Amino acid sequence: MTPEADNAIKSTARTALKEYANPNNTLTYRQILDKHSPKIAALIPAKHRGRAWLWLNCVCHQVARGG
């Protein structure tokens, strides 16, 4: 994966986490992942594209830990 793709995925993860932490949020965590996962689907390896939400979830956890 290129550094540009990795940065784009991490940026999308940060956006998803901010949306989830927003007090006015009415969506579940999974709904937010489903909402943002199409943005990264083309950037992840082909065998994982059907589960882009799961890839985004892993990246969200990495970003939340500071990684």
Protein backbone atom coordinates (compact mmCIF):
# COMPACT_ATOMS: atom_id res chain seq x y z
CA MET A 1 0.00 0.00 0.00
CA THR A 2 1.34 3.43 -0.87
CA PRO A 3 1.89 6.08 1.79
CA GLU A 4 -0.72 8.25 0.10
CA ALA A 5 -3.35 5.50 0.33
CA ASP A 6 -2.42 4.81 3.94
CA ASN A 7 -2.77 8.51 4.80
CA ALA A 8 -6.15 8.70 3.04
CA ILE A 9 -7.41 5.68 4.98
CA LYS A 10 -6.18 7.10 8.30
CA SER A 11 -7.81 10.43 7.48
CA THR A 12 -11.11 8.66 6.79
CA ALA A 13 -10.73 6.79 10.10
CA ARG A 14 -10.19 10.05 11.97
CA THR A 15 -13.30 11.49 10.34
CA ALA A 16 -15.34 8.43 11.31
CA LEU A 17 -14.10 8.58 14.90
CA LYS A 18 -14.91 12.29 15.17
CA GLU A 19 -18.40 11.63 13.86
CA TYR A 20 -18.89 8.79 16.37
CA ALA A 21 -17.68 10.97 19.27
CA ASN A 22 -19.97 13.85 18.31
CA PRO A 23 -22.67 14.31 20.99
CA ASN A 24 -25.28 14.92 18.28
CA ASN A 25 -24.53 11.60 16.59
CA THR A 26 -27.50 9.25 16.21
CA LEU A 27 -25.76 6.51 14.21
CA THR A 28 -24.23 3.34 15.59
CA TYR A 29 -20.52 2.68 15.15
CA ARG A 30 -21.21 0.09 12.44
CA GLN A 31 -23.46 2.51 10.54
CA ILE A 32 -20.68 5.10 10.57
CA LEU A 33 -18.20 2.50 9.29
CA ASP A 34 -20.65 1.53 6.52
CA LYS A 35 -21.08 5.21 5.64
CA HIS A 36 -17.34 5.90 5.31
CA SER A 37 -16.07 2.56 3.99
CA PRO A 38 -16.90 3.24 0.30
CA LYS A 39 -14.34 6.07 0.42
CA ILE A 40 -11.51 3.60 1.11
CA ALA A 41 -12.73 0.54 -0.80
CA ALA A 42 -10.57 1.27 -3.84
CA LEU A 43 -7.49 1.85 -1.68
CA ILE A 44 -7.38 -1.48 0.18
CA PRO A 45 -6.20 -4.86 -1.20
CA ALA A 46 -8.69 -6.45 -3.61
CA LYS A 47 -9.41 -9.51 -1.46
CA HIS A 48 -10.69 -7.26 1.36
CA ARG A 49 -12.85 -4.88 -0.67
CA GLY A 50 -16.07 -6.70 0.19
CA ARG A 51 -15.36 -5.96 3.85
CA ALA A 52 -14.04 -2.41 3.66
CA TRP A 53 -15.94 -1.58 6.86
CA LEU A 54 -13.85 -4.18 8.71
CA TRP A 55 -10.59 -2.75 7.37
CA LEU A 56 -11.74 0.73 8.40
CA ASN A 57 -12.60 -0.60 11.86
CA CYS A 58 -9.05 -1.91 12.30
CA VAL A 59 -7.58 1.40 11.20
CA CYS A 60 -9.93 3.29 13.55
CA HIS A 61 -8.61 1.24 16.45
CA GLN A 62 -5.01 1.95 15.40
CA VAL A 63 -5.71 5.68 15.13
CA ALA A 64 -7.51 5.74 18.48
CA ARG A 65 -4.48 4.14 20.12
CA GLY A 66 -2.24 6.76 18.55
CA GLY A 67 -0.70 4.57 15.88
